[in-house]
Amino acid sequence: MRLWILLLAVLLLAPAPAGAQSASEVETPGAAVEEEEDERRPPRSCATLRKQIAHFEDVAERARERDDELWERSTEGHIRRLQARAERECPDDGGNPALEAIGRFAKAAARTAVKYFTAGQL
């Protein structure tokens, strides 16, 4: 029994042969193809930029509701910078204006409903 434990310990602690490759060094056959496909796909940051622009438009609306001109101006500037970046990085990204208008209407309706059903406490 002790011999088996000693043999197992030696095998586990012994260094790997010089020609052996670690799992991170082994090359996957399709890895080069996947990298080329990633370059052809539109950047995933486009969706993130759209979400950030929508979020900061809501923040700007909140600044208008609170009559904070400095907050509103700085947020509008940030929105312009994000939109310029989106135009640069996502040239083919054209949103549907009708769907965007419906989304804005739904958000406004939800805000109004929350104020109505909570008696303005939220």
C-alpha atoms as a PDB file:
ATOM      1  CA  MET A   1       0.000   0.000   0.000  1.00  0.00           C
ATOM      2  CA  ARG A   2       2.782   2.422   0.923  1.00  0.00           C
ATOM      3  CA  LEU A   3       4.549   1.567  -2.287  1.00  0.00           C
ATOM      4  CA  TRP A   4       1.494   2.589  -4.345  1.00  0.00           C
ATOM      5  CA  ILE A   5       1.172   5.897  -2.510  1.00  0.00           C
ATOM      6  CA  LEU A   6       4.883   6.606  -3.008  1.00  0.00           C
ATOM      7  CA  LEU A   7       4.668   5.744  -6.715  1.00  0.00           C
ATOM      8  CA  LEU A   8       1.593   7.968  -7.167  1.00  0.00           C
ATOM      9  CA  ALA A   9       3.309  10.875  -5.388  1.00  0.00           C
ATOM     10  CA  VAL A  10       6.401  10.557  -7.577  1.00  0.00           C
ATOM     11  CA  LEU A  11       4.314  10.508 -10.753  1.00  0.00           C
ATOM     12  CA  LEU A  12       2.294  13.554  -9.722  1.00  0.00           C
ATOM     13  CA  LEU A  13       5.286  15.588  -8.606  1.00  0.00           C
ATOM     14  CA  ALA A  14       7.639  14.622 -11.447  1.00  0.00           C
ATOM     15  CA  PRO A  15       8.212  17.308 -14.102  1.00  0.00           C
ATOM     16  CA  ALA A  16       6.688  16.745 -17.540  1.00  0.00           C
ATOM     17  CA  PRO A  17       8.998  15.603 -20.365  1.00  0.00           C
ATOM     18  CA  ALA A  18      10.605  18.418 -22.365  1.00  0.00           C
ATOM     19  CA  GLY A  19       8.569  17.731 -25.525  1.00  0.00           C
ATOM     20  CA  ALA A  20       5.192  17.741 -23.767  1.00  0.00           C
ATOM     21  CA  GLN A  21       2.825  20.646 -24.385  1.00  0.00           C
ATOM     22  CA  SER A  22       0.494  22.112 -21.841  1.00  0.00           C
ATOM     23  CA  ALA A  23      -3.234  22.321 -22.607  1.00  0.00           C
ATOM     24  CA  SER A  24      -2.959  26.064 -23.294  1.00  0.00           C
ATOM     25  CA  GLU A  25      -0.210  25.503 -25.881  1.00  0.00           C
ATOM     26  CA  VAL A  26      -2.134  22.925 -27.901  1.00  0.00           C
ATOM     27  CA  GLU A  27      -3.444  24.520 -31.084  1.00  0.00           C
ATOM     28  CA  THR A  28      -7.070  23.962 -31.955  1.00  0.00           C
ATOM     29  CA  PRO A  29      -7.632  23.302 -35.679  1.00  0.00           C
ATOM     30  CA  GLY A  30     -10.519  25.768 -36.042  1.00  0.00           C
ATOM     31  CA  ALA A  31      -9.040  28.548 -33.887  1.00  0.00           C
ATOM     32  CA  ALA A  32      -7.647  30.559 -36.810  1.00  0.00           C
ATOM     33  CA  VAL A  33     -10.971  30.379 -38.650  1.00  0.00           C
ATOM     34  CA  GLU A  34     -12.879  31.661 -35.593  1.00  0.00           C
ATOM     35  CA  GLU A  35     -10.558  34.673 -35.271  1.00  0.00           C
ATOM     36  CA  GLU A  36     -11.111  35.576 -38.932  1.00  0.00           C
ATOM     37  CA  GLU A  37     -14.894  35.331 -38.480  1.00  0.00           C
ATOM     38  CA  ASP A  38     -14.730  37.656 -35.462  1.00  0.00           C
ATOM     39  CA  GLU A  39     -13.129  40.351 -37.624  1.00  0.00           C
ATOM     40  CA  ARG A  40     -15.930  40.121 -40.189  1.00  0.00           C
ATOM     41  CA  ARG A  41     -18.759  40.320 -37.641  1.00  0.00           C
ATOM     42  CA  PRO A  42     -19.994  43.737 -36.548  1.00  0.00           C
ATOM     43  CA  PRO A  43     -18.543  44.708 -33.178  1.00  0.00           C
ATOM     44  CA  ARG A  44     -20.567  43.677 -30.161  1.00  0.00           C
ATOM     45  CA  SER A  45     -20.013  47.122 -28.745  1.00  0.00           C
ATOM     46  CA  CYS A  46     -22.720  48.501 -31.091  1.00  0.00           C
ATOM     47  CA  ALA A  47     -25.487  47.023 -28.941  1.00  0.00           C
ATOM     48  CA  THR A  48     -23.776  48.347 -25.826  1.00  0.00           C
ATOM     49  CA  LEU A  49     -23.518  51.828 -27.350  1.00  0.00           C
ATOM     50  CA  ARG A  50     -27.231  51.809 -28.250  1.00  0.00           C
ATOM     51  CA  LYS A  51     -28.104  50.811 -24.681  1.00  0.00           C
ATOM     52  CA  GLN A  52     -25.846  53.519 -23.245  1.00  0.00           C
ATOM     53  CA  ILE A  53     -27.377  56.176 -25.498  1.00  0.00           C
ATOM     54  CA  ALA A  54     -30.895  55.120 -24.465  1.00  0.00           C
ATOM     55  CA  HIS A  55     -29.887  55.143 -20.794  1.00  0.00           C
ATOM     56  CA  PHE A  56     -28.348  58.607 -20.935  1.00  0.00           C
ATOM     57  CA  GLU A  57     -31.376  59.956 -22.819  1.00  0.00           C
ATOM     58  CA  ASP A  58     -33.418  58.843 -19.795  1.00  0.00           C
ATOM     59  CA  VAL A  59     -30.875  60.514 -17.500  1.00  0.00           C
ATOM     60  CA  ALA A  60     -31.163  63.734 -19.512  1.00  0.00           C
ATOM     61  CA  GLU A  61     -34.954  63.569 -19.172  1.00  0.00           C
ATOM     62  CA  ARG A  62     -34.558  63.160 -15.411  1.00  0.00           C
ATOM     63  CA  ALA A  63     -32.252  66.187 -15.351  1.00  0.00           C
ATOM     64  CA  ARG A  64     -34.901  68.222 -17.210  1.00  0.00           C
ATOM     65  CA  GLU A  65     -37.581  67.118 -14.715  1.00  0.00           C
ATOM     66  CA  ARG A  66     -35.385  68.312 -11.848  1.00  0.00           C
ATOM     67  CA  ASP A  67     -34.456  71.595 -13.580  1.00  0.00           C
ATOM     68  CA  ASP A  68     -30.727  70.900 -13.305  1.00  0.00           C
ATOM     69  CA  GLU A  69     -29.227  72.694 -16.313  1.00  0.00           C
ATOM     70  CA  LEU A  70     -25.618  71.686 -15.648  1.00  0.00           C
ATOM     71  CA  TRP A  71     -26.562  68.000 -15.334  1.00  0.00           C
ATOM     72  CA  GLU A  72     -28.680  68.235 -18.469  1.00  0.00           C
ATOM     73  CA  ARG A  73     -25.942  69.937 -20.545  1.00  0.00           C
ATOM     74  CA  SER A  74     -23.246  67.490 -19.469  1.00  0.00           C
ATOM     75  CA  THR A  75     -25.516  64.517 -20.166  1.00  0.00           C
ATOM     76  CA  GLU A  76     -26.448  65.888 -23.606  1.00  0.00           C
ATOM     77  CA  GLY A  77     -22.730  66.281 -24.362  1.00  0.00           C
ATOM     78  CA  HIS A  78     -22.115  62.703 -23.296  1.00  0.00           C
ATOM     79  CA  ILE A  79     -24.968  61.539 -25.544  1.00  0.00           C
ATOM     80  CA  ARG A  80     -23.459  63.420 -28.500  1.00  0.00           C
ATOM     81  CA  ARG A  81     -20.068  61.789 -27.876  1.00  0.00           C
ATOM     82  CA  LEU A  82     -21.659  58.338 -27.667  1.00  0.00           C
ATOM     83  CA  GLN A  83     -23.642  58.969 -30.869  1.00  0.00           C
ATOM     84  CA  ALA A  84     -20.495  60.096 -32.699  1.00  0.00           C
ATOM     85  CA  ARG A  85     -18.695  56.969 -31.531  1.00  0.00           C
ATOM     86  CA  ALA A  86     -21.633  54.808 -32.634  1.00  0.00           C
ATOM     87  CA  GLU A  87     -21.616  56.439 -36.080  1.00  0.00           C
ATOM     88  CA  ARG A  88     -17.876  55.803 -36.368  1.00  0.00           C
ATOM     89  CA  GLU A  89     -17.885  52.206 -35.139  1.00  0.00           C
ATOM     90  CA  CYS A  90     -21.284  51.068 -36.422  1.00  0.00           C
ATOM     91  CA  PRO A  91     -21.797  52.653 -39.848  1.00  0.00           C
ATOM     92  CA  ASP A  92     -24.311  49.996 -41.003  1.00  0.00           C
ATOM     93  CA  ASP A  93     -26.300  50.228 -37.804  1.00  0.00           C
ATOM     94  CA  GLY A  94     -29.533  51.919 -38.794  1.00  0.00           C
ATOM     95  CA  GLY A  95     -32.312  51.654 -36.272  1.00  0.00           C
ATOM     96  CA  ASN A  96     -35.973  51.642 -37.152  1.00  0.00           C
ATOM     97  CA  PRO A  97     -37.335  55.082 -36.153  1.00  0.00           C
ATOM     98  CA  ALA A  98     -40.895  53.742 -35.792  1.00  0.00           C
ATOM     99  CA  LEU A  99     -39.782  51.081 -33.308  1.00  0.00           C
ATOM    100  CA  GLU A 100     -37.735  53.615 -31.387  1.00  0.00           C
ATOM    101  CA  ALA A 101     -40.764  55.938 -31.154  1.00  0.00           C
ATOM    102  CA  ILE A 102     -42.934  53.071 -29.896  1.00  0.00           C
ATOM    103  CA  GLY A 103     -40.270  52.243 -27.307  1.00  0.00           C
ATOM    104  CA  ARG A 104     -40.153  55.840 -26.078  1.00  0.00           C
ATOM    105  CA  PHE A 105     -43.968  55.915 -25.896  1.00  0.00           C
ATOM    106  CA  ALA A 106     -44.043  52.667 -23.896  1.00  0.00           C
ATOM    107  CA  LYS A 107     -41.462  54.022 -21.443  1.00  0.00           C
ATOM    108  CA  ALA A 108     -43.404  57.249 -20.959  1.00  0.00           C
ATOM    109  CA  ALA A 109     -46.628  55.279 -20.461  1.00  0.00           C
ATOM    110  CA  ALA A 110     -44.946  53.037 -17.892  1.00  0.00           C
ATOM    111  CA  ARG A 111     -43.602  56.039 -15.963  1.00  0.00           C
ATOM    112  CA  THR A 112     -47.040  57.654 -15.952  1.00  0.00           C
ATOM    113  CA  ALA A 113     -48.659  54.403 -14.792  1.00  0.00           C
ATOM    114  CA  VAL A 114     -46.180  54.051 -11.934  1.00  0.00           C
ATOM    115  CA  LYS A 115     -46.886  57.616 -10.798  1.00  0.00           C
ATOM    116  CA  TYR A 116     -50.637  57.034 -11.058  1.00  0.00           C
ATOM    117  CA  PHE A 117     -50.777  53.707  -9.230  1.00  0.00           C
ATOM    118  CA  THR A 118     -48.377  54.739  -6.465  1.00  0.00           C
ATOM    119  CA  ALA A 119     -49.996  58.131  -5.966  1.00  0.00           C
ATOM    120  CA  GLY A 120     -46.723  59.834  -6.909  1.00  0.00           C
ATOM    121  CA  GLN A 121     -44.797  58.268  -4.020  1.00  0.00           C
ATOM    122  CA  LEU A 122     -42.119  56.721  -6.289  1.00  0.00           C
END
